[in-house]
């Protein structure tokens, strides 16, 4: 591709992105009809209505797994997955630090301890980074498929299987993502999916846990319903302890309609992402997150990895120049709490400071956990250097993506001195 004009918008030149990011109605399918039918049921409780069960049936078709537990959020789905893994007080659970707090809330709720492993330049964990975090107290591994890219979950499972460790997949940002043709969330013991408003499909809030094992399905379905065994044996009401993670019929109705078009929506994200990759294949002094071989990414977002050795600009200057061109760019990890390591956020930090340090980071057997960047150097490098891009969306067009690519190429050609 011919390099674009070096006249930067930051210096008064024309903007590269002139096509407005298209918008539309995410809920233009059967959502309204199903909601009206839900209200005509005269109940919004999943135990008496039909739409939550219809949504679960749609999820079973989507994942190919025989059991699905509906729940109130993706955070609840991960907590239920930890229950399936048998996590309890004092156990260590390995996960990556560049994820939402929802990934660790269930760990803390069970009195267990998150142990953070490093990532590689795909922003994902690997068998090598997980192996470095293993201890004799490790009881499970959460693999977060970040940003619509698959982690090497097959290789991670081989490592964990040799040690008898279950793997829970966090698929919140990775609807439709596949590795070697297989949908993420179907490799490990269980797959946790989110349908909050900031995902490929939305019910406002909501989630699903997908499993293969009937006994674990019974355990987690019971736990999600506070203490009731409605799906199996009504004589056992109150037999087990759990949380109230129930999905309402309203969420179920919207989930069913959204699941009817999830493949089309995620296919569109994939097309936009691969188009951006093609246009930036020969970008001077920079590259996008490298996808794994045989990966089918659905690009919830992506990131630029600049080679600052060949650029006459720091990250802040690059981001300002990209933003001036109309490119939706930001400094990864600088402002967004979700991008920061979890041990630097208010979810964990108050529990880790001075005399306020408390359980589970201080264990009854004398263990005391502290967190810093020494065990996650690649993650720290990405926080300091990577540029986050968010040009994708259900209603974004290929013309918009081409203009975003032009803006990125314009900035990188200018600051790399390429002609």
Protein backbone atom coordinates (compact mmCIF):
# COMPACT_ATOMS: atom_id res chain seq x y z
CA UNK A 1 0.00 0.00 0.00
CA UNK A 2 1.28 3.46 -0.86
CA UNK A 3 2.19 5.49 2.26
CA UNK A 4 -0.32 8.28 3.01
CA UNK A 5 0.52 11.95 3.16
CA UNK A 6 2.71 12.87 6.15
CA UNK A 7 0.78 16.08 6.83
CA UNK A 8 -0.44 15.33 10.34
CA UNK A 9 -3.81 16.55 11.61
CA UNK A 10 -1.97 17.31 14.87
CA UNK A 11 -0.11 20.02 12.94
CA UNK A 12 -3.15 21.32 11.09
CA UNK A 13 -3.32 18.83 8.23
CA UNK A 14 -6.49 17.05 7.12
CA UNK A 15 -7.90 14.30 9.31
CA UNK A 16 -7.61 10.76 7.99
CA UNK A 17 -10.90 9.59 9.49
CA UNK A 18 -13.85 11.49 8.07
CA UNK A 19 -16.41 8.67 8.01
CA UNK A 20 -18.43 8.86 11.25
CA UNK A 21 -18.45 5.66 13.30
CA UNK A 22 -21.85 4.25 12.39
CA UNK A 23 -24.41 3.55 15.08
CA UNK A 24 -27.57 1.49 15.13
CA UNK A 25 -30.06 -0.32 17.32
CA UNK A 26 -28.48 -3.40 18.92
CA UNK A 27 -31.92 -4.69 19.83
CA UNK A 28 -33.64 -4.59 16.47
CA UNK A 29 -34.38 -8.32 16.22
CA UNK A 30 -36.86 -10.30 18.29
CA UNK A 31 -36.03 -8.56 21.58
CA UNK A 32 -39.22 -6.49 21.71
CA UNK A 33 -41.48 -9.42 20.71
CA UNK A 34 -39.93 -11.77 23.26
CA UNK A 35 -40.15 -9.15 26.01
CA UNK A 36 -43.84 -8.67 25.29
CA UNK A 37 -44.37 -12.43 25.41
CA UNK A 38 -42.48 -12.51 28.71
CA UNK A 39 -44.83 -9.93 30.23
CA UNK A 40 -47.84 -11.89 29.01
CA UNK A 41 -46.57 -14.88 31.02
CA UNK A 42 -47.46 -12.83 34.11
CA UNK A 43 -44.22 -13.94 35.78
CA UNK A 44 -40.64 -12.75 35.45
CA UNK A 45 -39.20 -15.59 37.55
CA UNK A 46 -37.17 -18.15 35.63
CA UNK A 47 -38.61 -21.06 37.60
CA UNK A 48 -42.13 -20.36 36.31
CA UNK A 49 -41.44 -18.79 32.91
CA UNK A 50 -39.93 -20.19 29.72
CA UNK A 51 -37.48 -17.68 28.28
CA UNK A 52 -34.47 -18.36 30.50
CA UNK A 53 -34.73 -22.02 29.58
CA UNK A 54 -35.08 -21.13 25.89
CA UNK A 55 -31.93 -18.99 26.16
CA UNK A 56 -30.11 -21.89 27.83
CA UNK A 57 -31.16 -24.16 24.97
CA UNK A 58 -29.79 -21.60 22.51
CA UNK A 59 -26.51 -21.48 24.48
CA UNK A 60 -26.27 -25.27 24.39
CA UNK A 61 -26.62 -25.15 20.61
CA UNK A 62 -24.10 -22.35 20.38
CA UNK A 63 -21.41 -23.99 22.51
CA UNK A 64 -22.17 -27.62 21.70
CA UNK A 65 -21.97 -28.38 25.44
CA UNK A 66 -24.78 -30.33 27.16
CA UNK A 67 -25.26 -28.12 30.22
CA UNK A 68 -25.69 -24.37 30.70
CA UNK A 69 -26.32 -22.43 33.91
CA UNK A 70 -27.92 -18.98 33.45
CA UNK A 71 -26.87 -16.28 35.88
CA UNK A 72 -27.04 -12.59 36.65
CA UNK A 73 -23.60 -11.53 35.32
CA UNK A 74 -20.32 -12.68 33.86
CA UNK A 75 -18.80 -12.20 37.32
CA UNK A 76 -21.37 -14.64 38.70
CA UNK A 77 -20.54 -17.08 35.88
CA UNK A 78 -16.85 -17.06 36.85
CA UNK A 79 -17.74 -17.53 40.53
CA UNK A 80 -19.91 -20.50 39.58
CA UNK A 81 -17.02 -21.87 37.52
CA UNK A 82 -14.80 -21.68 40.59
CA UNK A 83 -17.44 -23.59 42.53
CA UNK A 84 -17.29 -26.23 39.80
CA UNK A 85 -13.51 -26.32 40.24
CA UNK A 86 -13.96 -26.96 43.98
CA UNK A 87 -12.11 -23.80 45.06
CA UNK A 88 -12.13 -23.06 48.78
CA UNK A 89 -10.31 -21.14 51.54
CA UNK A 90 -6.56 -20.90 51.17
CA UNK A 91 -6.44 -22.27 47.62
CA UNK A 92 -4.41 -20.45 44.98
CA UNK A 93 -5.96 -19.69 41.58
CA UNK A 94 -3.73 -18.54 38.74
CA UNK A 95 -4.97 -15.87 36.32
CA UNK A 96 -3.60 -12.92 34.39
CA UNK A 97 -3.55 -9.42 35.93
CA UNK A 98 -4.82 -7.59 32.81
CA UNK A 99 -8.49 -8.39 33.25
CA UNK A 100 -11.64 -7.04 34.82
CA UNK A 101 -12.20 -7.33 38.56
CA UNK A 102 -14.96 -9.82 37.84
CA UNK A 103 -12.31 -12.44 37.16
CA UNK A 104 -11.04 -12.36 40.76
CA UNK A 105 -14.12 -11.45 42.80
CA UNK A 106 -15.21 -15.09 42.97
CA UNK A 107 -11.71 -16.12 44.06
CA UNK A 108 -11.80 -13.66 46.96
CA UNK A 109 -15.39 -14.58 47.84
CA UNK A 110 -14.29 -18.19 48.42
CA UNK A 111 -11.38 -17.15 50.64
CA UNK A 112 -8.91 -18.20 47.95
CA UNK A 113 -5.96 -16.20 46.66
CA UNK A 114 -5.37 -14.90 43.12
CA UNK A 115 -1.85 -15.55 41.86
CA UNK A 116 -1.01 -13.49 38.78
CA UNK A 117 1.02 -14.95 35.94
CA UNK A 118 2.66 -12.97 33.17
CA UNK A 119 1.43 -12.64 29.60
CA UNK A 120 3.29 -12.58 26.29
CA UNK A 121 3.00 -10.04 23.47
CA UNK A 122 -0.42 -11.46 22.53
CA UNK A 123 -1.68 -10.10 25.91
CA UNK A 124 -2.54 -13.73 26.78
CA UNK A 125 -1.06 -16.28 29.20
CA UNK A 126 0.98 -19.22 27.95
CA UNK A 127 2.08 -22.58 29.38
CA UNK A 128 5.44 -20.95 30.15
CA UNK A 129 3.96 -18.05 32.15
CA UNK A 130 1.52 -20.30 33.99
CA UNK A 131 4.21 -22.85 34.84
CA UNK A 132 6.23 -20.07 36.48
CA UNK A 133 3.30 -19.26 38.80
CA UNK A 134 2.47 -22.81 39.92
CA UNK A 135 2.93 -23.79 43.58
CA UNK A 136 1.87 -26.77 45.65
CA UNK A 137 -1.20 -24.75 46.67
CA UNK A 138 -2.42 -24.09 43.11
CA UNK A 139 -5.90 -25.55 42.68
CA UNK A 140 -7.12 -24.05 39.39
CA UNK A 141 -6.22 -21.81 36.45
CA UNK A 142 -8.47 -19.16 34.89
CA UNK A 143 -7.63 -18.54 31.23
CA UNK A 144 -8.89 -15.11 30.13
CA UNK A 145 -9.41 -14.89 26.38
CA UNK A 146 -8.76 -11.16 26.21
CA UNK A 147 -10.08 -8.72 23.58
CA UNK A 148 -11.60 -11.35 21.32
CA UNK A 149 -8.29 -13.18 20.83
CA UNK A 150 -7.92 -16.81 21.89
CA UNK A 151 -5.29 -17.75 24.44
CA UNK A 152 -3.37 -21.00 23.77
CA UNK A 153 -5.88 -22.82 25.94
CA UNK A 154 -5.24 -26.23 24.41
CA UNK A 155 -1.57 -26.17 25.41
CA UNK A 156 -2.44 -24.72 28.82
CA UNK A 157 -4.90 -27.54 29.46
CA UNK A 158 -2.25 -30.13 28.59
CA UNK A 159 0.05 -28.56 31.18
CA UNK A 160 -2.70 -28.39 33.81
CA UNK A 161 -4.02 -31.89 33.14
CA UNK A 162 -0.61 -33.35 33.95
CA UNK A 163 -0.92 -31.72 37.38
CA UNK A 164 -4.59 -32.49 37.97
CA UNK A 165 -5.63 -28.82 37.76
CA UNK A 166 -8.98 -27.73 36.30
CA UNK A 167 -9.07 -24.88 33.79
CA UNK A 168 -11.88 -22.31 33.77
CA UNK A 169 -12.21 -20.12 30.67
CA UNK A 170 -13.24 -16.47 30.96
CA UNK A 171 -14.85 -15.67 27.59
CA UNK A 172 -16.44 -12.33 28.48
CA UNK A 173 -14.71 -10.43 25.65
CA UNK A 174 -14.51 -13.37 23.25
CA UNK A 175 -17.90 -14.38 21.92
CA UNK A 176 -17.38 -16.32 18.70
CA UNK A 177 -13.62 -16.61 19.17
CA UNK A 178 -12.14 -19.94 18.08
CA UNK A 179 -8.85 -21.78 18.21
CA UNK A 180 -8.18 -24.57 15.74
CA UNK A 181 -11.85 -24.36 14.78
CA UNK A 182 -13.10 -24.89 18.35
CA UNK A 183 -15.09 -22.26 20.24
CA UNK A 184 -13.35 -20.84 23.30
CA UNK A 185 -15.17 -21.76 26.48
CA UNK A 186 -15.45 -25.38 25.36
CA UNK A 187 -11.88 -26.51 26.04
CA UNK A 188 -11.71 -26.52 29.84
CA UNK A 189 -13.82 -27.72 32.73
CA UNK A 190 -16.22 -24.81 32.20
CA UNK A 191 -16.61 -21.66 30.12
CA UNK A 192 -17.92 -18.39 31.61
CA UNK A 193 -19.70 -15.93 29.29
CA UNK A 194 -20.89 -12.38 29.96
CA UNK A 195 -23.81 -10.50 28.40
CA UNK A 196 -23.37 -7.14 30.04
CA UNK A 197 -23.75 -4.03 27.92
CA UNK A 198 -20.05 -3.89 26.98
CA UNK A 199 -19.81 -7.23 25.18
CA UNK A 200 -20.49 -8.51 21.65
CA UNK A 201 -24.07 -9.29 22.68
CA UNK A 202 -25.96 -7.69 25.54
CA UNK A 203 -28.77 -8.23 28.02
CA UNK A 204 -27.71 -5.21 30.08
CA UNK A 205 -26.26 -7.63 32.61
CA UNK A 206 -26.23 -11.38 32.60
CA UNK A 207 -24.10 -14.44 31.99
CA UNK A 208 -23.89 -18.16 31.33
CA UNK A 209 -21.69 -20.99 32.50
CA UNK A 210 -21.28 -23.85 30.03
CA UNK A 211 -20.18 -27.33 31.21
CA UNK A 212 -19.93 -30.98 30.19
CA UNK A 213 -20.34 -32.67 33.58
CA UNK A 214 -23.86 -33.30 34.92
CA UNK A 215 -22.81 -33.42 38.58
CA UNK A 216 -21.03 -30.06 38.26
CA UNK A 217 -24.05 -28.67 36.44
CA UNK A 218 -26.25 -29.68 39.34
CA UNK A 219 -23.85 -28.19 41.87
CA UNK A 220 -23.52 -24.85 40.07
CA UNK A 221 -27.21 -24.54 39.12
CA UNK A 222 -28.11 -25.11 42.75
CA UNK A 223 -25.50 -22.61 43.94
CA UNK A 224 -26.81 -19.97 41.50
CA UNK A 225 -30.31 -20.35 42.96
CA UNK A 226 -29.32 -19.48 46.55
CA UNK A 227 -30.10 -22.87 48.06
CA UNK A 228 -32.89 -24.32 45.96
CA UNK A 229 -32.77 -27.44 43.80
CA UNK A 230 -35.58 -26.43 41.46
CA UNK A 231 -34.22 -28.12 38.36
CA UNK A 232 -33.73 -31.55 39.87
CA UNK A 233 -35.53 -32.53 43.06
CA UNK A 234 -37.96 -30.07 44.62
CA UNK A 235 -37.92 -32.07 47.84
CA UNK A 236 -34.35 -30.83 48.38
CA UNK A 237 -35.21 -27.13 48.82
CA UNK A 238 -32.68 -25.66 51.19
CA UNK A 239 -30.27 -28.59 50.93
CA UNK A 240 -27.25 -26.55 49.80
CA UNK A 241 -25.78 -23.11 50.36
CA UNK A 242 -25.28 -20.71 47.46
CA UNK A 243 -25.74 -17.19 46.10
CA UNK A 244 -28.72 -15.56 44.45
CA UNK A 245 -27.33 -15.38 40.92
CA UNK A 246 -30.65 -16.00 39.18
CA UNK A 247 -31.32 -14.66 35.68
CA UNK A 248 -34.74 -13.05 35.22
CA UNK A 249 -37.13 -13.84 32.42
CA UNK A 250 -36.54 -10.33 31.02
CA UNK A 251 -32.83 -11.06 30.65
CA UNK A 252 -33.64 -14.47 29.23
CA UNK A 253 -35.91 -12.98 26.57
CA UNK A 254 -33.27 -10.52 25.40
CA UNK A 255 -30.56 -13.19 25.60
CA UNK A 256 -32.57 -15.48 23.33
CA UNK A 257 -32.97 -12.75 20.71
CA UNK A 258 -29.30 -11.77 20.94
CA UNK A 259 -28.15 -15.38 20.63
CA UNK A 260 -30.14 -15.69 17.42
CA UNK A 261 -27.73 -13.24 15.79
CA UNK A 262 -24.51 -13.79 17.75
CA UNK A 263 -22.76 -15.55 14.86
CA UNK A 264 -23.57 -12.73 12.46
CA UNK A 265 -22.43 -10.08 14.93
CA UNK A 266 -19.15 -11.78 15.80
CA UNK A 267 -18.47 -12.56 12.15
CA UNK A 268 -18.71 -8.84 11.44
CA UNK A 269 -16.17 -8.09 14.19
CA UNK A 270 -13.88 -10.71 12.67
CA UNK A 271 -14.14 -9.18 9.21
CA UNK A 272 -13.35 -5.70 10.51
CA UNK A 273 -10.37 -6.94 12.52
CA UNK A 274 -8.83 -8.93 9.69
CA UNK A 275 -9.33 -5.96 7.35
CA UNK A 276 -7.41 -3.71 9.77
CA UNK A 277 -4.66 -6.32 10.02
CA UNK A 278 -4.32 -6.50 6.24
CA UNK A 279 -4.03 -2.73 5.91
CA UNK A 280 -1.39 -2.56 8.66
CA UNK A 281 0.61 -5.62 7.62
CA UNK A 282 3.60 -3.51 6.52
CA UNK A 283 3.28 -0.76 9.14
CA UNK A 284 6.71 0.76 9.78
CA UNK A 285 7.98 0.49 13.37
CA UNK A 286 4.78 -1.03 14.71
CA UNK A 287 2.40 -3.97 14.60
CA UNK A 288 -0.94 -5.10 15.97
CA UNK A 289 -1.37 -7.81 18.61
CA UNK A 290 -0.18 -10.97 16.86
CA UNK A 291 -2.92 -13.61 16.75
CA UNK A 292 -2.06 -17.24 17.39
CA UNK A 293 -1.73 -19.64 14.46
CA UNK A 294 -5.15 -21.11 13.57
CA UNK A 295 -6.90 -18.41 15.60
CA UNK A 296 -10.27 -16.93 14.67
CA UNK A 297 -10.37 -13.63 16.57
CA UNK A 298 -13.48 -11.51 17.08
CA UNK A 299 -11.63 -8.28 17.94
CA UNK A 300 -13.45 -6.70 20.84
CA UNK A 301 -10.49 -4.34 20.79
CA UNK A 302 -6.87 -4.56 19.68
CA UNK A 303 -3.55 -2.88 20.44
CA UNK A 304 -0.59 -1.44 18.59
CA UNK A 305 2.88 -2.49 19.70
CA UNK A 306 5.20 0.33 18.58
CA UNK A 307 8.93 -0.21 18.09
CA UNK A 308 10.16 2.95 19.79
CA UNK A 309 13.74 2.31 18.66
CA UNK A 310 12.64 3.40 15.20
CA UNK A 311 10.15 6.13 16.13
CA UNK A 312 10.88 9.78 16.89
CA UNK A 313 8.03 10.01 19.38
CA UNK A 314 7.00 8.65 22.75
CA UNK A 315 3.66 6.94 23.39
CA UNK A 316 1.81 10.07 24.52
CA UNK A 317 2.81 11.90 21.34
CA UNK A 318 1.74 8.96 19.16
CA UNK A 319 -1.63 8.76 20.92
CA UNK A 320 -2.26 12.50 20.54
CA UNK A 321 -1.38 12.29 16.85
CA UNK A 322 -3.63 9.27 16.31
CA UNK A 323 -6.52 10.91 18.14
CA UNK A 324 -6.10 14.06 16.04
CA UNK A 325 -6.50 11.87 12.93
CA UNK A 326 -9.79 10.53 14.35
CA UNK A 327 -8.36 7.15 15.35
CA UNK A 328 -9.95 5.77 18.57
CA UNK A 329 -6.65 5.28 20.41
CA UNK A 330 -5.53 5.51 24.04
CA UNK A 331 -2.49 4.67 26.13
CA UNK A 332 -3.02 1.09 27.28
CA UNK A 333 -3.15 0.86 31.06
CA UNK A 334 -2.80 4.57 31.72
CA UNK A 335 -6.36 5.59 32.45
CA UNK A 336 -8.75 2.65 32.28
CA UNK A 337 -8.97 0.70 35.55
CA UNK A 338 -9.75 -2.47 33.62
CA UNK A 339 -6.42 -2.23 31.83
CA UNK A 340 -4.39 -1.76 35.01
CA UNK A 341 -3.13 -4.76 36.96
CA UNK A 342 -5.77 -5.80 39.43
CA UNK A 343 -3.43 -5.44 42.38
CA UNK A 344 -3.20 -1.71 41.56
CA UNK A 345 -6.97 -1.15 41.58
CA UNK A 346 -9.34 -0.37 44.41
CA UNK A 347 -10.71 -3.92 44.23
CA UNK A 348 -7.58 -5.29 45.92
CA UNK A 349 -5.38 -2.41 47.02
CA UNK A 350 -7.26 -1.54 50.26
CA UNK A 351 -6.89 -5.17 51.38
CA UNK A 352 -3.14 -5.13 50.80
CA UNK A 353 -2.01 -1.94 52.59
CA UNK A 354 -0.16 -1.89 55.90
CA UNK A 355 -2.13 -2.80 59.00
CA UNK A 356 -5.29 -3.14 56.90
CA UNK A 357 -3.91 -6.25 55.18
CA UNK A 358 -6.48 -8.92 55.70
CA UNK A 359 -7.75 -12.36 54.74
CA UNK A 360 -7.40 -13.93 52.22
CA UNK A 361 -4.10 -12.14 51.53
CA UNK A 362 -3.06 -13.03 55.05
CA UNK A 363 -3.81 -16.70 55.70
CA UNK A 364 -4.26 -18.43 59.09
CA UNK A 365 -1.20 -20.59 58.40
CA UNK A 366 1.01 -17.50 58.25
CA UNK A 367 1.12 -17.02 54.48
CA UNK A 368 1.12 -13.37 53.43
CA UNK A 369 0.70 -12.33 49.80
CA UNK A 370 2.15 -9.22 48.20
CA UNK A 371 2.02 -8.16 44.56
CA UNK A 372 4.33 -6.21 42.28
CA UNK A 373 5.56 -6.29 38.71
CA UNK A 374 8.57 -8.55 39.26
CA UNK A 375 6.62 -11.64 38.21
CA UNK A 376 4.86 -9.95 35.27
CA UNK A 377 7.56 -8.04 33.31
CA UNK A 378 5.91 -8.43 29.89
CA UNK A 379 2.62 -7.17 31.27
CA UNK A 380 4.46 -4.15 32.72
CA UNK A 381 6.11 -3.47 29.35
CA UNK A 382 2.71 -3.55 27.62
CA UNK A 383 1.26 -1.18 30.21
CA UNK A 384 4.12 1.25 29.52
CA UNK A 385 4.26 0.97 25.73
CA UNK A 386 1.14 -0.44 24.07
CA UNK A 387 -1.54 1.69 22.38
CA UNK A 388 -5.13 0.47 22.69
CA UNK A 389 -7.40 0.70 19.63
CA UNK A 390 -11.20 0.43 19.79
CA UNK A 391 -12.46 0.87 16.20
CA UNK A 392 -14.74 -2.16 16.07
CA UNK A 393 -18.48 -2.42 16.55
CA UNK A 394 -21.60 -4.10 15.31
CA UNK A 395 -22.40 -1.11 13.09
CA UNK A 396 -18.90 0.02 12.12
CA UNK A 397 -18.23 -0.12 8.39
CA UNK A 398 -15.29 -1.32 6.32
CA UNK A 399 -14.83 2.22 4.99
CA UNK A 400 -14.42 3.45 8.56
CA UNK A 401 -11.82 0.76 9.28
CA UNK A 402 -9.90 1.64 6.10
CA UNK A 403 -9.76 5.28 7.20
CA UNK A 404 -8.60 4.26 10.69
CA UNK A 405 -5.82 2.22 9.06
CA UNK A 406 -4.89 5.24 6.91
CA UNK A 407 -4.66 7.41 10.03
CA UNK A 408 -2.43 4.90 11.80
CA UNK A 409 -0.17 4.51 8.78
CA UNK A 410 0.03 8.29 8.36
CA UNK A 411 1.23 8.77 11.95
CA UNK A 412 3.70 5.87 11.95
CA UNK A 413 5.16 6.82 8.58
CA UNK A 414 5.68 10.38 9.80
CA UNK A 415 7.37 9.49 13.10
CA UNK A 416 9.45 6.67 11.64
CA UNK A 417 10.77 8.92 8.89
CA UNK A 418 9.53 6.54 6.17
CA UNK A 419 9.06 8.10 2.77
